[in-house]
Protein backbone atom coordinates (compact mmCIF):
# COMPACT_ATOMS: atom_id res chain seq x y z
CA MET A 1 13.68 5.56 2.34
CA ALA A 2 13.68 8.07 5.14
CA ASP A 3 10.44 8.30 7.11
CA GLY A 4 8.77 11.80 6.66
CA PRO A 5 5.54 13.76 6.69
CA ALA A 6 4.73 13.14 3.21
CA ALA A 7 5.82 9.44 3.09
CA VAL A 8 3.13 6.92 1.94
CA HIS A 9 2.73 4.09 4.45
CA ALA A 10 2.41 0.68 3.05
CA MET A 11 1.52 -2.85 4.21
CA GLY A 12 2.22 -6.14 2.76
CA LEU A 13 0.54 -9.30 3.80
CA ALA A 14 0.92 -12.98 2.95
CA PHE A 15 -1.98 -15.21 3.74
CA ARG A 16 -0.94 -18.83 3.62
CA PRO A 17 -3.98 -21.13 4.32
CA PRO A 18 -3.49 -24.74 5.19
CA ASP A 19 -4.38 -26.05 1.78
CA GLY A 20 -1.07 -24.92 0.40
CA GLU A 21 -2.42 -21.80 -1.59
CA GLU A 22 -1.43 -18.40 -0.98
CA TRP A 23 -2.80 -14.80 -1.19
CA ARG A 24 -0.38 -11.75 -1.27
CA VAL A 25 -1.62 -8.35 -0.76
CA ALA A 26 0.01 -4.91 -1.08
CA MET A 27 -1.68 -1.85 0.14
CA ILE A 28 -1.01 1.75 0.77
CA ASP A 29 -2.54 4.67 2.91
CA ILE A 30 -3.89 6.79 0.12
CA PRO A 31 -7.60 6.49 -0.99
CA VAL A 32 -6.75 6.27 -4.71
CA PHE A 33 -3.90 5.95 -7.12
CA ILE A 34 -2.62 8.87 -9.21
CA VAL A 35 -2.77 7.20 -12.65
CA LYS A 36 -4.98 4.88 -14.28
CA ASP A 37 -2.82 2.81 -16.75
CA PRO A 38 0.96 1.74 -17.36
CA GLU A 39 1.53 4.48 -19.96
CA SER A 40 0.38 7.19 -17.69
CA PHE A 41 2.50 5.85 -14.91
CA TYR A 42 5.55 5.59 -16.91
CA GLU A 43 5.10 9.11 -18.25
CA GLN A 44 4.55 10.52 -14.68
CA LEU A 45 7.89 8.49 -13.50
CA LEU A 46 9.78 10.29 -16.28
CA THR A 47 8.30 13.73 -15.74
CA SER A 48 9.04 13.44 -11.89
CA ARG A 49 12.69 12.67 -12.27
CA PRO A 50 14.67 15.48 -10.62
CA ASP A 51 16.12 18.17 -13.02
CA PRO A 52 19.86 18.17 -12.57
CA ALA A 53 19.82 21.94 -12.70
CA ILE A 54 17.49 22.40 -9.67
CA GLY A 55 17.72 18.95 -7.85
CA LYS A 56 13.78 18.38 -8.09
CA PRO A 57 11.07 17.63 -10.69
CA ASP A 58 10.82 20.41 -13.22
CA PRO A 59 7.30 22.16 -11.77
CA ALA A 60 6.32 23.23 -15.56
CA LYS A 61 6.66 19.56 -16.71
CA MET A 62 4.68 18.42 -13.92
CA LYS A 63 2.00 20.95 -14.35
CA ASP A 64 1.74 20.00 -18.07
CA PHE A 65 1.43 16.33 -17.25
CA VAL A 66 -1.42 17.05 -14.70
CA ALA A 67 -3.20 19.20 -17.36
CA ARG A 68 -2.99 16.36 -19.82
CA HIS A 69 -4.30 13.84 -17.33
CA PRO A 70 -7.50 15.19 -15.78
CA GLU A 71 -7.92 11.81 -13.86
CA THR A 72 -4.62 12.46 -12.08
CA ALA A 73 -5.65 16.07 -11.15
CA ARG A 74 -8.76 14.61 -9.68
CA ALA A 75 -7.00 11.77 -7.75
CA LEU A 76 -4.30 14.27 -6.34
CA GLN A 77 -7.14 16.35 -5.06
CA ILE A 78 -8.58 13.40 -3.31
CA VAL A 79 -5.11 12.39 -1.99
CA GLN A 80 -4.31 15.82 -0.94
CA ALA A 81 -7.61 16.11 1.04
CA ASN A 82 -6.62 13.16 3.32
CA PRO A 83 -3.85 13.99 5.75
CA PHE A 84 -1.28 11.31 6.46
CA SER A 85 -1.37 9.56 9.88
CA SER A 86 1.06 10.17 12.66
CA GLY A 87 2.33 6.47 12.25
CA PHE A 88 1.93 3.10 10.82
CA ALA A 89 -0.41 1.71 13.56
CA ASN A 90 -3.23 4.26 13.31
CA ALA A 91 -2.97 4.30 9.38
CA SER A 92 -5.65 2.34 7.21
CA TYR A 93 -4.34 0.73 4.08
CA ASN A 94 -6.19 0.28 0.76
CA GLY A 95 -5.75 -2.26 -1.91
CA LEU A 96 -6.55 0.48 -4.68
CA ASP A 97 -7.15 -1.89 -7.51
CA ALA A 98 -10.30 -3.92 -7.79
CA PHE A 99 -10.60 -7.76 -7.95
CA ARG A 100 -13.28 -10.21 -8.20
CA LEU A 101 -14.64 -12.65 -5.69
CA VAL A 102 -15.79 -15.91 -7.44
CA ASN A 103 -18.08 -18.30 -5.84
CA ALA A 104 -18.46 -22.10 -6.39
CA ALA A 105 -21.05 -21.62 -9.22
CA GLY A 106 -18.77 -19.21 -11.05
CA ALA A 107 -20.62 -15.98 -10.30
CA SER A 108 -18.29 -13.17 -9.59
CA THR A 109 -18.63 -9.92 -7.57
CA PRO A 110 -16.42 -6.95 -7.77
CA VAL A 111 -14.62 -5.77 -4.75
CA ARG A 112 -11.92 -3.69 -3.16
CA TRP A 113 -10.47 -4.23 0.09
CA SER A 114 -8.90 -2.22 2.99
CA MET A 115 -7.27 -2.65 6.40
CA ALA A 116 -9.09 -0.33 8.58
CA ALA A 117 -7.03 0.75 11.66
CA VAL A 118 -8.46 0.15 15.22
CA ASP A 119 -6.01 2.64 16.86
CA PRO A 120 -7.74 5.94 16.54
CA PHE A 121 -6.44 8.16 13.63
CA GLU A 122 -4.08 11.20 14.46
CA PRO A 123 -2.62 13.38 11.73
CA GLU A 124 1.05 13.81 11.74
CA SER A 125 2.43 16.92 13.09
CA PRO A 126 5.53 19.03 11.82
CA ALA A 127 6.99 18.71 15.07
CA GLN A 128 6.90 14.95 14.97
CA SER A 129 9.02 14.44 11.85
CA ALA A 130 11.22 17.49 12.77
CA ALA A 131 12.41 16.02 15.98
CA GLN A 132 13.07 12.56 14.87
CA ASP A 133 15.63 10.51 12.93
CA LYS A 134 14.98 8.95 9.59
CA ASN A 135 13.29 5.72 11.29
CA TYR A 136 11.01 7.55 13.58
CA LEU A 137 7.90 5.88 12.27
CA PHE A 138 9.28 2.25 12.59
CA ASP A 139 10.77 3.00 15.96
CA ALA A 140 7.27 4.37 16.96
CA VAL A 141 5.28 1.19 15.70
CA ILE A 142 7.98 -1.19 17.20
CA ALA A 143 7.31 0.56 20.69
CA ARG A 144 3.73 0.43 20.10
CA ILE A 145 3.48 -3.33 19.45
CA VAL A 146 5.67 -3.99 22.53
CA ARG A 147 3.17 -2.27 24.64
CA ALA A 148 0.23 -4.09 23.22
CA PRO A 149 -1.00 -5.76 20.14
CA VAL A 150 -1.95 -3.38 17.11
CA LYS A 151 -5.01 -4.57 15.12
CA TRP A 152 -6.72 -3.69 11.85
CA ARG A 153 -9.97 -4.98 10.49
CA LEU A 154 -10.08 -6.33 6.90
CA VAL A 155 -13.00 -4.48 5.05
CA VAL A 156 -14.28 -5.67 1.75
CA THR A 157 -16.20 -3.12 -0.33
CA ILE A 158 -18.80 -4.74 -2.63
CA GLY A 159 -18.81 -3.03 -6.04
CA GLU A 160 -21.96 -2.42 -8.17
CA LEU A 161 -22.40 -2.95 -11.83
CA ALA A 162 -21.80 0.98 -12.67
CA ASP A 163 -18.60 0.98 -10.50
CA PRO A 164 -15.41 1.12 -12.58
CA THR A 165 -13.13 -1.79 -12.09
CA ASP A 166 -10.33 -0.70 -14.49
CA ASP A 167 -9.50 2.63 -12.90
CA ALA A 168 -7.76 3.05 -9.73
CA THR A 169 -8.09 6.90 -9.76
CA THR A 170 -11.69 6.76 -9.29
CA PRO A 171 -13.05 5.92 -5.95
CA TRP A 172 -16.41 3.93 -5.60
CA PRO A 173 -19.47 5.89 -4.02
CA GLY A 174 -19.30 5.79 0.00
CA ASN A 175 -22.65 4.22 0.11
CA ARG A 176 -21.39 0.84 -1.25
CA GLU A 177 -21.71 -2.10 1.10
CA HIS A 178 -18.71 -2.64 3.31
CA VAL A 179 -18.39 -6.14 4.94
CA ASP A 180 -15.89 -6.71 7.79
CA VAL A 181 -14.52 -10.28 7.22
CA GLY A 182 -11.78 -10.53 9.95
CA THR A 183 -9.09 -8.91 12.10
CA LEU A 184 -5.40 -8.69 11.51
CA THR A 185 -3.40 -8.66 14.95
CA ILE A 186 0.17 -7.97 15.13
CA ASP A 187 1.66 -8.82 18.53
CA HIS A 188 5.50 -9.22 18.01
CA VAL A 189 8.12 -7.65 15.78
CA GLU A 190 11.07 -9.41 13.94
CA GLY A 191 13.74 -7.89 11.99
CA GLU A 192 14.22 -8.61 8.26
CA ALA A 193 17.44 -10.28 8.52
CA PRO A 194 15.96 -13.90 8.39
CA GLY A 195 14.31 -12.95 5.02
CA ASN A 196 10.86 -13.29 6.44
CA CYS A 197 9.75 -10.07 4.68
CA ARG A 198 12.96 -9.20 2.66
CA ASP A 199 12.83 -12.29 0.54
CA ILE A 200 9.35 -12.22 -0.58
CA ASN A 201 7.55 -10.41 -3.49
CA PHE A 202 4.25 -9.07 -2.67
CA ASP A 203 2.84 -9.55 -6.26
CA PRO A 204 -0.85 -8.64 -6.39
CA LEU A 205 -1.57 -11.57 -8.72
CA VAL A 206 -0.51 -14.21 -6.18
CA LEU A 207 -4.24 -15.32 -5.44
CA PRO A 208 -6.09 -18.21 -3.99
CA SER A 209 -9.00 -19.88 -5.52
CA GLY A 210 -12.08 -17.63 -5.38
CA ILE A 211 -10.21 -14.45 -5.93
CA GLU A 212 -9.54 -13.17 -9.46
CA PRO A 213 -7.93 -10.12 -10.98
CA SER A 214 -10.08 -7.51 -12.50
CA ASP A 215 -9.67 -5.63 -15.84
CA ASP A 216 -7.47 -3.10 -14.15
CA PRO A 217 -4.51 -2.76 -16.33
CA LEU A 218 -2.21 -1.71 -13.35
CA LEU A 219 -2.30 -5.26 -11.86
CA SER A 220 -0.25 -7.05 -14.64
CA THR A 221 2.07 -4.09 -14.67
CA ARG A 222 2.63 -4.18 -11.02
CA SER A 223 3.31 -7.94 -11.15
CA ALA A 224 5.80 -7.47 -13.81
CA ALA A 225 7.58 -4.53 -12.03
CA TYR A 226 7.76 -6.15 -8.85
CA SER A 227 9.15 -9.36 -10.32
CA THR A 228 11.97 -7.30 -11.89
CA SER A 229 12.56 -5.40 -8.61
CA PHE A 230 12.72 -8.81 -6.58
CA THR A 231 15.29 -10.20 -9.02
CA ARG A 232 17.45 -7.12 -8.71
CA ARG A 233 17.25 -7.03 -4.95
CA ALA A 234 18.04 -10.75 -4.68
CA GLY A 235 21.35 -10.14 -6.39
CA GLU A 236 22.42 -7.55 -3.95
CA THR A 237 24.47 -7.91 -0.94
CA LYS A 238 22.37 -8.17 2.17
CA GLU A 239 23.11 -5.17 4.46
CA PRO A 240 22.16 -5.37 8.10
CA SER A 241 18.60 -3.98 8.70
CA ALA A 242 18.25 -0.14 9.21
CA VAL A 243 15.59 -0.69 11.62
CA GLN A 244 16.61 -2.33 14.90
CA THR A 245 14.13 -4.40 16.86
CA PRO A 246 14.27 -5.23 20.73
CA ALA A 247 16.54 -8.11 21.45
CA SER A 248 14.04 -9.45 24.06
CA GLY A 249 10.31 -9.54 25.11
CA LYS A 250 7.44 -9.38 22.68
CA GLY A 251 9.65 -7.56 20.06
CA ALA A 252 12.27 -10.49 19.79
């Protein structure tokens, strides 16, 4: 997918603690998701397919879909009110689904989490995408990491009883408790040829002890869809990476 001014930025992480468990996280840089359940997502995908006659989605069909899904209309307003960042390094990434943290006594707490960028946010300018090639965001973040490590803070938002855990289109109130639980530091870059990122499925239901899924219906849907996608990709011929990394130095 070519980089562009309206492209959603994403971050996938795999935490592998020494006890053999694993936690996989998939996040994107929009504040809410645009549909609340699998049925709506499927309908939205069909509606947004390009019309062969015009080469893009039929605007009348899209307008009708949004009219029948007021939660999507509200979510789109929230997304459109937040400009995209100028790069991967200064974007903050959100795990849009709710989860539950469970302690040793079995008590659970609803949470959402984000990776908050330490680099100051800058909106992408029209000139930035117009003057660059299709991999300009990747080229920029590689150059940024070669200069110095890039950091994000892992921030957990603590939900309260009234906060919905089954609807990713609805943000929780801004006054909820936010707990800074750690820092992610990226200090070098590798290409995907060894399969370090290519051959992994960032399934949101790969969770360690103490983290459990909420009642958000999108979680199981994402897990199933990611599995199908991974199986199909695994059967494809492995092409050279479209993004080139430095041959030496920190980006080796």
